[in-house]
Amino acid sequence: MKTHSIKDVARIAKVSTATVSRVINNSNLVDSWTRDRVLKVIKKLDYHPNLVARSLIRGKSNLLTLIVPPEPNFFSAFYFRQILCGISHSLSKYPYRMMIYQPEGYDPKLGYPPHLDGFPMDGIFVIAPLLEDRLVKHLEKEKTPVVLINARSHVLDWIDLDNVSSAREVVLALSKMGHTRIGFINGLEGYNANARLEGYKLGLEKSGLSYDPQLVTNGDYSLEKGFTAAKKLLSHSRKPTVIFAANDLMAIGAIRAAHELGFSVPRELSIFGFDDSDAATLSQPQLSTVRQPFFEMGERATDFLVSRVENLKLPQKTIELPGQLVFRQSSKEKGKN
């Protein structure tokens, strides 16, 4: 079968190639009569240079867009790579392709990224939007199918870790190991941080322990902030016997701080992380942590989004996945050699 070019479309439609290009790109510089004529020729020739042309002709692009936070190091984050692998694995079952979009110079408090206006896509994944990100509120009003990953909505489909239960189970386990002074390094303000703090408090309550605000501090999920936050916690007269960090990097930073201050981990101070990233088994000692099912999140999110694309009338789908506690060398029973 002959493959037609943009010149063939222009010749049969009796317009210039520039006009065909403008039609394909949905330019407002082409009048409706000319646009219709060009689209009819494109359809007749089955000319499909890219996803944009297909979407204009058929009303469907077979393109899903993954919107990620505008953070410089996000693409190197362990959990993003795992979620992406899960999406890619599940996407192979469907006739869809994916574009990854990271807004540049975009203030999430302002709403929808302007570069996506009018862009042909059938559905959108949004990973870990901030609490104040108006993008989610904008998407809740749109008809485009959306699935949130590591976030929640009263309207949109979402898939997330049960952060509250996961953090609660860590505190309960540490309490059963004899720890009564449980320090907590939380992350940046956001849904996950709020949920993990809630779980931390619930774990204390269920263990019969009092909440002490001096045992709680915040970081930004970086190793450096974990280091400084741990030093702050260990400067108190009544020091924690264990530090629970809201991600693995901060936990590893806490291990470094403990070593610098002369604490033996885990003999004098236990450390517990969250994520079970690659770094957890590379740290010295190896890190006890919460394993998140990132790969499964990506798989399930893809199934959610494809089913939503194919049937907008489906009821809202939501799922909380459980975390799994993984005990390694960085934690032990209090007082046990």
Foldseek 3Di string as FASTA:
>chain_A
DDADDLVVLCVVLVHDSVVLVCLLVVHPVDDPVSSVSSLVSCVVNVHDPALSNVCVNPVARLEEEEEEEQDPCVVVDQLVVLLVLLQVVQCVVDSHDYHYDYDDPDDQLVEDRPVCVPPHHQAYEYEFDFPNRNPVVVVLPDLRAYEYECDDDPRHAYEYAQLLQQLLVVLLVQVVLVWQLEAEEFADDGDNRVSNVNSVCNNCVVSVHDDDCQRYYYAHQALCRLLVVLLSQCVDPPHGQEYEYAADSSQLSNVVNCVVVPHDFNQRHAYEHEDPGPVQVVGVVRHWYKHDNSSVSSNVSNVVRVVCSVPVPDGHHYDHDYIHTGDGRRYGRHPDD
